[in-house]
Amino acid sequence: MKLKPPLSADDIRKLLPHRWPFLLLDRVVELEPGRRAVGIKNVAVSEPYFAGHFPAESIMPGVLIVECLAQLTAVAYTTGALVELEQAAGGQSMADVDISAQVGYLVAIKNMKFRRPVSPGDRLVLECLLGSSLGILTSVQVSARCEGELVAEGSLVVSRRPEKEQSYEAV
């Protein structure tokens, strides 16, 4: 699996379980697996949410900007997990592993600030930096910019998927 940027939409689909219309990330242009990533979201007028948000003034919902940032975080996280799996396997390729099953959950959105509206034609440059972990939780600093101008920033808390408990039947 390709881990060197740029990662295309096809590469991203191999890393995330999301699909259209909810796969919002178009490209990953910088990547340090398990540490940080920079991605692109091209905001198009044809996106389904613009039909109702708002018909007279198209504005990308803030919650979808957060989702873009969470998806970028998932790419950084899953590529880190893939590197760890390959190291544990002695450098053997893990191309056949469904790494998208490693994508966990968005647990918290903290101190998110939106500085200006995002509209069709804008190009969001998204950045995430994975921070400290406590158990299955990891803090992440995130930001989004349009043409160099900060449009959103804050932090997220994401979780790994909890290990599935094995159940044993009494014999």
N, C-alpha and C. Protein backbone atom coordinates (compact mmCIF):
# COMPACT_ATOMS: atom_id res chain seq x y z
N MET A 1 0.85 -1.18 0.00
CA MET A 1 0.00 0.00 0.00
C MET A 1 0.89 1.24 0.00
N LYS A 2 0.51 2.23 -0.77
CA LYS A 2 1.29 3.46 -0.90
C LYS A 2 1.14 4.33 0.36
N LEU A 3 2.29 4.69 0.95
CA LEU A 3 2.28 5.55 2.13
C LEU A 3 3.03 6.85 1.90
N LYS A 4 3.52 7.06 0.70
CA LYS A 4 4.25 8.30 0.40
C LYS A 4 3.31 9.27 -0.31
N PRO A 5 3.24 10.50 0.18
CA PRO A 5 2.36 11.50 -0.44
C PRO A 5 2.85 11.87 -1.82
N PRO A 6 1.98 12.35 -2.68
CA PRO A 6 0.58 12.59 -2.37
C PRO A 6 -0.23 11.29 -2.43
N LEU A 7 -1.19 11.18 -1.52
CA LEU A 7 -2.13 10.08 -1.55
C LEU A 7 -3.37 10.57 -2.28
N SER A 8 -3.78 9.83 -3.29
CA SER A 8 -4.96 10.20 -4.08
C SER A 8 -6.23 9.74 -3.37
N ALA A 9 -7.36 10.10 -3.95
CA ALA A 9 -8.65 9.64 -3.41
C ALA A 9 -8.72 8.12 -3.40
N ASP A 10 -8.14 7.46 -4.41
CA ASP A 10 -8.12 5.99 -4.44
C ASP A 10 -7.30 5.43 -3.28
N ASP A 11 -6.15 6.05 -3.00
CA ASP A 11 -5.33 5.62 -1.87
C ASP A 11 -6.07 5.82 -0.55
N ILE A 12 -6.75 6.94 -0.42
CA ILE A 12 -7.48 7.27 0.80
C ILE A 12 -8.59 6.25 1.04
N ARG A 13 -9.28 5.83 -0.03
CA ARG A 13 -10.36 4.83 0.11
C ARG A 13 -9.83 3.50 0.64
N LYS A 14 -8.56 3.20 0.43
CA LYS A 14 -7.98 1.95 0.96
C LYS A 14 -7.70 2.08 2.46
N LEU A 15 -7.59 3.32 2.95
CA LEU A 15 -7.25 3.55 4.35
C LEU A 15 -8.46 3.83 5.24
N LEU A 16 -9.56 4.30 4.64
CA LEU A 16 -10.74 4.70 5.41
C LEU A 16 -11.96 3.87 5.00
N PRO A 17 -12.88 3.64 5.92
CA PRO A 17 -14.11 2.93 5.56
C PRO A 17 -15.16 3.85 4.93
N HIS A 18 -14.95 5.15 4.94
CA HIS A 18 -15.92 6.11 4.42
C HIS A 18 -16.05 6.00 2.90
N ARG A 19 -17.25 6.27 2.40
CA ARG A 19 -17.52 6.27 0.96
C ARG A 19 -18.43 7.45 0.63
N TRP A 20 -18.54 7.76 -0.67
CA TRP A 20 -19.37 8.86 -1.12
C TRP A 20 -20.79 8.64 -0.62
N PRO A 21 -21.47 9.64 -0.17
CA PRO A 21 -21.12 11.06 -0.17
C PRO A 21 -20.40 11.51 1.09
N PHE A 22 -19.95 10.57 1.93
CA PHE A 22 -19.36 10.99 3.19
C PHE A 22 -17.84 10.91 3.23
N LEU A 23 -17.21 10.46 2.17
CA LEU A 23 -15.76 10.55 2.09
C LEU A 23 -15.44 11.96 1.63
N LEU A 24 -14.91 12.79 2.51
CA LEU A 24 -14.76 14.21 2.24
C LEU A 24 -13.34 14.61 1.89
N LEU A 25 -12.38 13.77 2.13
CA LEU A 25 -10.98 14.09 1.92
C LEU A 25 -10.59 13.77 0.48
N ASP A 26 -10.00 14.74 -0.23
CA ASP A 26 -9.64 14.54 -1.64
C ASP A 26 -8.20 14.08 -1.85
N ARG A 27 -7.28 14.55 -1.01
CA ARG A 27 -5.86 14.25 -1.23
C ARG A 27 -5.10 14.46 0.08
N VAL A 28 -4.05 13.69 0.26
CA VAL A 28 -3.13 13.89 1.38
C VAL A 28 -1.79 14.28 0.77
N VAL A 29 -1.30 15.48 1.12
CA VAL A 29 -0.09 16.01 0.48
C VAL A 29 1.15 15.89 1.36
N GLU A 30 0.98 15.73 2.67
CA GLU A 30 2.09 15.48 3.58
C GLU A 30 1.64 14.42 4.56
N LEU A 31 2.58 13.52 4.92
CA LEU A 31 2.20 12.43 5.82
C LEU A 31 3.42 11.94 6.58
N GLU A 32 3.29 11.93 7.89
CA GLU A 32 4.22 11.25 8.78
C GLU A 32 3.35 10.23 9.51
N PRO A 33 3.34 8.97 9.05
CA PRO A 33 2.42 7.97 9.62
C PRO A 33 2.46 7.93 11.14
N GLY A 34 1.26 7.98 11.73
CA GLY A 34 1.13 7.93 13.17
C GLY A 34 1.47 9.23 13.88
N ARG A 35 1.82 10.28 13.12
CA ARG A 35 2.26 11.53 13.75
C ARG A 35 1.49 12.75 13.25
N ARG A 36 1.50 13.01 11.92
CA ARG A 36 0.86 14.22 11.38
C ARG A 36 0.53 14.01 9.91
N ALA A 37 -0.38 14.88 9.42
CA ALA A 37 -0.75 14.84 8.01
C ALA A 37 -1.30 16.20 7.59
N VAL A 38 -1.18 16.47 6.30
CA VAL A 38 -1.78 17.65 5.68
C VAL A 38 -2.58 17.13 4.50
N GLY A 39 -3.84 17.56 4.41
CA GLY A 39 -4.71 17.09 3.34
C GLY A 39 -5.47 18.22 2.68
N ILE A 40 -6.15 17.87 1.60
CA ILE A 40 -6.90 18.83 0.80
C ILE A 40 -8.36 18.39 0.68
N LYS A 41 -9.25 19.35 0.84
CA LYS A 41 -10.67 19.17 0.54
C LYS A 41 -11.06 20.29 -0.41
N ASN A 42 -11.39 19.93 -1.64
CA ASN A 42 -11.89 20.90 -2.62
C ASN A 42 -13.39 21.02 -2.44
N VAL A 43 -13.84 22.21 -2.12
CA VAL A 43 -15.25 22.42 -1.81
C VAL A 43 -15.98 22.76 -3.12
N ALA A 44 -16.88 21.86 -3.53
CA ALA A 44 -17.59 22.01 -4.81
C ALA A 44 -19.06 22.37 -4.58
N VAL A 45 -19.60 23.19 -5.45
CA VAL A 45 -21.00 23.61 -5.34
C VAL A 45 -21.95 22.43 -5.49
N SER A 46 -21.50 21.35 -6.11
CA SER A 46 -22.35 20.18 -6.33
C SER A 46 -22.49 19.29 -5.10
N GLU A 47 -21.83 19.61 -4.00
CA GLU A 47 -21.93 18.79 -2.79
C GLU A 47 -23.37 18.84 -2.28
N PRO A 48 -23.91 17.70 -1.87
CA PRO A 48 -25.34 17.62 -1.54
C PRO A 48 -25.79 18.56 -0.43
N TYR A 49 -24.95 18.87 0.54
CA TYR A 49 -25.38 19.70 1.66
C TYR A 49 -25.64 21.15 1.26
N PHE A 50 -25.07 21.61 0.14
CA PHE A 50 -25.30 22.99 -0.26
C PHE A 50 -26.73 23.26 -0.72
N ALA A 51 -27.47 22.21 -1.04
CA ALA A 51 -28.88 22.40 -1.44
C ALA A 51 -29.71 23.00 -0.31
N GLY A 52 -29.30 22.75 0.93
CA GLY A 52 -30.09 23.27 2.04
C GLY A 52 -29.31 24.09 3.05
N HIS A 53 -28.02 24.33 2.81
CA HIS A 53 -27.19 25.03 3.81
C HIS A 53 -26.34 26.10 3.16
N PHE A 54 -26.75 27.16 2.90
CA PHE A 54 -28.09 27.72 2.87
C PHE A 54 -28.38 28.03 1.42
N PRO A 55 -29.61 27.85 0.95
CA PRO A 55 -29.89 28.00 -0.48
C PRO A 55 -29.49 29.38 -1.05
N ALA A 56 -29.64 30.45 -0.29
CA ALA A 56 -29.31 31.78 -0.80
C ALA A 56 -27.85 32.17 -0.54
N GLU A 57 -27.17 31.43 0.33
CA GLU A 57 -25.76 31.71 0.66
C GLU A 57 -25.10 30.40 1.06
N SER A 58 -24.46 29.75 0.09
CA SER A 58 -23.88 28.43 0.33
C SER A 58 -22.71 28.50 1.31
N ILE A 59 -22.86 27.80 2.44
CA ILE A 59 -21.82 27.75 3.46
C ILE A 59 -21.63 26.28 3.86
N MET A 60 -20.37 25.84 3.87
CA MET A 60 -20.08 24.47 4.31
C MET A 60 -20.33 24.38 5.82
N PRO A 61 -21.14 23.43 6.25
CA PRO A 61 -21.40 23.30 7.69
C PRO A 61 -20.11 23.04 8.48
N GLY A 62 -19.97 23.70 9.62
CA GLY A 62 -18.79 23.53 10.45
C GLY A 62 -18.57 22.09 10.86
N VAL A 63 -19.65 21.37 11.10
CA VAL A 63 -19.52 19.97 11.49
C VAL A 63 -18.85 19.15 10.39
N LEU A 64 -19.03 19.53 9.12
CA LEU A 64 -18.38 18.81 8.02
C LEU A 64 -16.90 19.20 7.89
N ILE A 65 -16.56 20.42 8.28
CA ILE A 65 -15.14 20.79 8.35
C ILE A 65 -14.46 19.93 9.42
N VAL A 66 -15.13 19.77 10.55
CA VAL A 66 -14.60 18.90 11.61
C VAL A 66 -14.48 17.47 11.10
N GLU A 67 -15.44 16.99 10.35
CA GLU A 67 -15.38 15.63 9.80
C GLU A 67 -14.20 15.48 8.84
N CYS A 68 -13.94 16.49 8.02
CA CYS A 68 -12.75 16.46 7.14
C CYS A 68 -11.49 16.29 7.98
N LEU A 69 -11.40 17.07 9.06
CA LEU A 69 -10.24 17.00 9.94
C LEU A 69 -10.14 15.62 10.61
N ALA A 70 -11.28 15.06 11.00
CA ALA A 70 -11.29 13.73 11.62
C ALA A 70 -10.87 12.66 10.61
N GLN A 71 -11.29 12.79 9.35
CA GLN A 71 -10.88 11.82 8.34
C GLN A 71 -9.38 11.91 8.08
N LEU A 72 -8.84 13.11 8.06
CA LEU A 72 -7.39 13.27 7.90
C LEU A 72 -6.66 12.64 9.09
N THR A 73 -7.19 12.85 10.28
CA THR A 73 -6.62 12.23 11.48
C THR A 73 -6.63 10.71 11.35
N ALA A 74 -7.71 10.16 10.81
CA ALA A 74 -7.81 8.70 10.63
C ALA A 74 -6.74 8.21 9.65
N VAL A 75 -6.45 8.99 8.62
CA VAL A 75 -5.39 8.60 7.67
C VAL A 75 -4.04 8.56 8.40
N ALA A 76 -3.74 9.61 9.17
CA ALA A 76 -2.47 9.64 9.91
C ALA A 76 -2.40 8.46 10.88
N TYR A 77 -3.50 8.19 11.55
CA TYR A 77 -3.54 7.12 12.54
C TYR A 77 -3.40 5.74 11.89
N THR A 78 -4.19 5.47 10.85
CA THR A 78 -4.16 4.13 10.23
C THR A 78 -2.84 3.86 9.55
N THR A 79 -2.22 4.88 8.95
CA THR A 79 -0.91 4.64 8.33
C THR A 79 0.13 4.33 9.40
N GLY A 80 0.00 4.96 10.57
CA GLY A 80 0.88 4.61 11.69
C GLY A 80 0.69 3.18 12.13
N ALA A 81 -0.57 2.73 12.20
CA ALA A 81 -0.87 1.35 12.56
C ALA A 81 -0.32 0.38 11.52
N LEU A 82 -0.39 0.76 10.24
CA LEU A 82 0.13 -0.09 9.17
C LEU A 82 1.65 -0.22 9.28
N VAL A 83 2.33 0.87 9.56
CA VAL A 83 3.79 0.83 9.73
C VAL A 83 4.14 -0.08 10.90
N GLU A 84 3.39 0.02 12.01
CA GLU A 84 3.65 -0.84 13.17
C GLU A 84 3.44 -2.31 12.82
N LEU A 85 2.39 -2.62 12.07
CA LEU A 85 2.14 -4.00 11.66
C LEU A 85 3.27 -4.53 10.79
N GLU A 86 3.75 -3.70 9.86
CA GLU A 86 4.83 -4.12 8.97
C GLU A 86 6.13 -4.33 9.76
N GLN A 87 6.39 -3.48 10.75
CA GLN A 87 7.58 -3.66 11.59
C GLN A 87 7.49 -4.94 12.40
N ALA A 88 6.30 -5.22 12.95
CA ALA A 88 6.09 -6.44 13.73
C ALA A 88 6.24 -7.68 12.87
N ALA A 89 5.96 -7.54 11.56
CA ALA A 89 6.07 -8.67 10.63
C ALA A 89 7.45 -8.72 9.98
N GLY A 90 8.41 -7.99 10.55
CA GLY A 90 9.76 -8.03 10.02
C GLY A 90 9.92 -7.34 8.68
N GLY A 91 9.13 -6.30 8.44
CA GLY A 91 9.24 -5.55 7.19
C GLY A 91 8.43 -6.14 6.05
N GLN A 92 7.71 -7.22 6.32
CA GLN A 92 6.87 -7.85 5.29
C GLN A 92 5.69 -6.94 4.95
N SER A 93 5.33 -6.86 3.69
CA SER A 93 4.24 -6.00 3.24
C SER A 93 2.91 -6.46 3.82
N MET A 94 2.10 -5.49 4.19
CA MET A 94 0.77 -5.76 4.73
C MET A 94 -0.30 -5.31 3.73
N ALA A 95 -0.01 -5.41 2.44
CA ALA A 95 -0.90 -4.91 1.39
C ALA A 95 -2.28 -5.56 1.44
N ASP A 96 -2.38 -6.79 1.93
CA ASP A 96 -3.67 -7.49 1.93
C ASP A 96 -4.47 -7.26 3.22
N VAL A 97 -3.93 -6.49 4.17
CA VAL A 97 -4.63 -6.22 5.43
C VAL A 97 -5.63 -5.09 5.21
N ASP A 98 -6.86 -5.26 5.73
CA ASP A 98 -7.87 -4.20 5.66
C ASP A 98 -7.61 -3.22 6.79
N ILE A 99 -6.76 -2.25 6.52
CA ILE A 99 -6.36 -1.29 7.55
C ILE A 99 -7.51 -0.36 7.92
N SER A 100 -8.49 -0.22 7.03
CA SER A 100 -9.63 0.66 7.34
C SER A 100 -10.41 0.17 8.56
N ALA A 101 -10.27 -1.10 8.91
CA ALA A 101 -10.94 -1.65 10.09
C ALA A 101 -10.32 -1.09 11.38
N GLN A 102 -9.16 -0.44 11.28
CA GLN A 102 -8.50 0.15 12.43
C GLN A 102 -9.05 1.54 12.77
N VAL A 103 -9.86 2.12 11.87
CA VAL A 103 -10.38 3.46 12.11
C VAL A 103 -11.32 3.42 13.31
N GLY A 104 -11.00 4.26 14.28
CA GLY A 104 -11.78 4.30 15.51
C GLY A 104 -12.88 5.34 15.46
N TYR A 105 -13.04 6.06 16.56
CA TYR A 105 -14.18 6.95 16.70
C TYR A 105 -13.74 8.34 17.14
N LEU A 106 -14.51 9.32 16.74
CA LEU A 106 -14.34 10.68 17.22
C LEU A 106 -15.04 10.75 18.57
N VAL A 107 -14.29 11.07 19.63
CA VAL A 107 -14.80 11.03 20.99
C VAL A 107 -15.16 12.42 21.50
N ALA A 108 -14.34 13.42 21.13
CA ALA A 108 -14.59 14.77 21.64
C ALA A 108 -14.07 15.81 20.66
N ILE A 109 -14.74 16.95 20.66
CA ILE A 109 -14.32 18.13 19.90
C ILE A 109 -14.12 19.21 20.95
N LYS A 110 -12.90 19.73 21.03
CA LYS A 110 -12.58 20.70 22.09
C LYS A 110 -12.10 22.02 21.49
N ASN A 111 -12.61 23.10 22.07
CA ASN A 111 -12.14 24.45 21.73
C ASN A 111 -12.11 24.70 20.22
N MET A 112 -13.08 24.17 19.49
CA MET A 112 -13.12 24.39 18.04
C MET A 112 -13.64 25.79 17.78
N LYS A 113 -12.89 26.52 16.99
CA LYS A 113 -13.28 27.89 16.63
C LYS A 113 -13.33 27.97 15.11
N PHE A 114 -14.37 28.64 14.62
CA PHE A 114 -14.54 28.85 13.19
C PHE A 114 -14.35 30.33 12.93
N ARG A 115 -13.40 30.66 12.07
CA ARG A 115 -12.99 32.05 11.87
C ARG A 115 -13.71 32.75 10.73
N ARG A 116 -14.09 31.99 9.70
CA ARG A 116 -14.83 32.56 8.57
C ARG A 116 -15.54 31.45 7.83
N PRO A 117 -16.62 31.78 7.10
CA PRO A 117 -17.35 30.74 6.36
C PRO A 117 -16.50 30.13 5.24
N VAL A 118 -16.80 28.89 4.92
CA VAL A 118 -16.20 28.18 3.79
C VAL A 118 -17.28 27.99 2.75
N SER A 119 -16.98 28.37 1.50
CA SER A 119 -17.98 28.39 0.43
C SER A 119 -17.51 27.58 -0.77
N PRO A 120 -18.43 27.27 -1.70
CA PRO A 120 -18.02 26.56 -2.92
C PRO A 120 -16.89 27.30 -3.62
N GLY A 121 -15.93 26.52 -4.11
CA GLY A 121 -14.76 27.09 -4.77
C GLY A 121 -13.57 27.21 -3.86
N ASP A 122 -13.81 27.14 -2.54
CA ASP A 122 -12.70 27.19 -1.59
C ASP A 122 -11.94 25.87 -1.61
N ARG A 123 -10.67 25.96 -1.30
CA ARG A 123 -9.83 24.77 -1.15
C ARG A 123 -9.35 24.75 0.29
N LEU A 124 -9.86 23.80 1.05
CA LEU A 124 -9.46 23.65 2.44
C LEU A 124 -8.14 22.91 2.52
N VAL A 125 -7.17 23.50 3.19
CA VAL A 125 -5.92 22.81 3.51
C VAL A 125 -6.02 22.44 4.98
N LEU A 126 -6.07 21.15 5.23
CA LEU A 126 -6.33 20.60 6.55
C LEU A 126 -5.03 20.09 7.16
N GLU A 127 -4.87 20.25 8.46
CA GLU A 127 -3.67 19.75 9.11
C GLU A 127 -4.05 19.11 10.44
N CYS A 128 -3.41 17.99 10.74
CA CYS A 128 -3.60 17.34 12.03
C CYS A 128 -2.25 16.94 12.60
N LEU A 129 -2.14 17.02 13.91
CA LEU A 129 -0.93 16.63 14.62
C LEU A 129 -1.37 15.78 15.80
N LEU A 130 -1.07 14.48 15.74
CA LEU A 130 -1.45 13.58 16.82
C LEU A 130 -0.59 13.87 18.03
N GLY A 131 -1.23 13.93 19.20
CA GLY A 131 -0.54 14.25 20.44
C GLY A 131 -0.43 13.04 21.33
N SER A 132 -0.56 13.29 22.61
CA SER A 132 -0.38 12.23 23.60
C SER A 132 -1.58 11.28 23.61
N SER A 133 -1.30 10.06 24.04
CA SER A 133 -2.34 9.04 24.16
C SER A 133 -2.47 8.61 25.60
N LEU A 134 -3.69 8.27 25.95
CA LEU A 134 -3.98 7.72 27.27
C LEU A 134 -4.93 6.54 27.03
N GLY A 135 -4.41 5.35 27.20
CA GLY A 135 -5.21 4.16 26.88
C GLY A 135 -5.52 4.13 25.40
N ILE A 136 -6.81 4.06 25.07
CA ILE A 136 -7.20 4.01 23.67
C ILE A 136 -7.50 5.40 23.10
N LEU A 137 -7.34 6.45 23.91
CA LEU A 137 -7.65 7.82 23.49
C LEU A 137 -6.39 8.57 23.07
N THR A 138 -6.51 9.37 22.01
CA THR A 138 -5.40 10.20 21.53
C THR A 138 -5.92 11.60 21.28
N SER A 139 -5.17 12.60 21.76
CA SER A 139 -5.53 13.99 21.49
C SER A 139 -4.88 14.42 20.17
N VAL A 140 -5.58 15.30 19.45
CA VAL A 140 -5.13 15.72 18.12
C VAL A 140 -5.37 17.22 17.97
N GLN A 141 -4.34 17.95 17.57
CA GLN A 141 -4.48 19.37 17.23
C GLN A 141 -4.83 19.44 15.74
N VAL A 142 -5.84 20.25 15.40
CA VAL A 142 -6.29 20.33 14.01
C VAL A 142 -6.48 21.79 13.60
N SER A 143 -6.32 22.03 12.29
CA SER A 143 -6.60 23.35 11.74
C SER A 143 -6.98 23.21 10.28
N ALA A 144 -7.71 24.21 9.79
CA ALA A 144 -8.10 24.27 8.38
C ALA A 144 -7.86 25.69 7.89
N ARG A 145 -7.32 25.79 6.68
CA ARG A 145 -7.03 27.10 6.08
C ARG A 145 -7.56 27.14 4.65
N CYS A 146 -7.92 28.34 4.22
CA CYS A 146 -8.25 28.62 2.83
C CYS A 146 -7.34 29.75 2.37
N GLU A 147 -6.57 29.50 1.33
CA GLU A 147 -5.64 30.50 0.79
C GLU A 147 -4.78 31.10 1.90
N GLY A 148 -4.30 30.25 2.81
CA GLY A 148 -3.42 30.69 3.88
C GLY A 148 -4.13 31.29 5.08
N GLU A 149 -5.41 31.57 4.96
CA GLU A 149 -6.17 32.18 6.04
C GLU A 149 -6.80 31.09 6.91
N LEU A 150 -6.59 31.18 8.22
CA LEU A 150 -7.14 30.22 9.16
C LEU A 150 -8.66 30.32 9.17
N VAL A 151 -9.35 29.19 8.92
CA VAL A 151 -10.82 29.19 8.95
C VAL A 151 -11.37 28.39 10.12
N ALA A 152 -10.59 27.43 10.64
CA ALA A 152 -11.04 26.64 11.78
C ALA A 152 -9.82 26.06 12.50
N GLU A 153 -9.93 25.95 13.82
CA GLU A 153 -8.86 25.33 14.60
C GLU A 153 -9.43 24.83 15.91
N GLY A 154 -8.77 23.84 16.47
CA GLY A 154 -9.18 23.28 17.74
C GLY A 154 -8.47 21.97 18.00
N SER A 155 -9.09 21.16 18.83
CA SER A 155 -8.51 19.84 19.08
C SER A 155 -9.63 18.79 19.10
N LEU A 156 -9.22 17.60 18.77
CA LEU A 156 -10.11 16.45 18.76
C LEU A 156 -9.55 15.41 19.71
N VAL A 157 -10.40 14.54 20.18
CA VAL A 157 -9.96 13.34 20.88
C VAL A 157 -10.55 12.19 20.08
N VAL A 158 -9.68 11.26 19.70
CA VAL A 158 -10.11 10.09 18.94
C VAL A 158 -9.76 8.84 19.72
N SER A 159 -10.46 7.76 19.40
CA SER A 159 -10.17 6.50 20.09
C SER A 159 -9.87 5.41 19.07
N ARG A 160 -9.03 4.48 19.52
CA ARG A 160 -8.87 3.24 18.75
C ARG A 160 -10.16 2.46 18.92
N ARG A 161 -10.34 1.51 18.06
CA ARG A 161 -11.47 0.61 18.28
C ARG A 161 -11.13 -0.26 19.47
N PRO A 162 -12.07 -0.40 20.38
CA PRO A 162 -11.79 -1.28 21.53
C PRO A 162 -11.55 -2.71 21.05
N GLU A 163 -10.63 -3.38 21.72
CA GLU A 163 -10.38 -4.79 21.37
C GLU A 163 -11.66 -5.57 21.60
N LYS A 164 -11.98 -6.41 20.65
CA LYS A 164 -13.18 -7.23 20.80
C LYS A 164 -12.89 -8.34 21.81
N GLU A 165 -13.76 -8.42 22.79
CA GLU A 165 -13.58 -9.46 23.79
C GLU A 165 -13.99 -10.79 23.19
N GLN A 166 -13.18 -11.78 23.48
CA GLN A 166 -13.53 -13.11 23.02
C GLN A 166 -14.46 -13.74 24.05
N SER A 167 -15.51 -14.37 23.57
CA SER A 167 -16.39 -15.06 24.50
C SER A 167 -16.15 -16.55 24.38
N TYR A 168 -16.11 -17.19 25.50
CA TYR A 168 -15.88 -18.63 25.53
C TYR A 168 -17.12 -19.30 26.08
N GLU A 169 -17.53 -20.31 25.39
CA GLU A 169 -18.71 -21.05 25.85
C GLU A 169 -18.25 -22.17 26.76
N ALA A 170 -19.01 -22.42 27.80
CA ALA A 170 -18.69 -23.53 28.71
C ALA A 170 -18.96 -24.82 27.97
N VAL A 171 -18.06 -25.74 28.13
CA VAL A 171 -18.21 -27.03 27.46
C VAL A 171 -18.82 -28.03 28.39
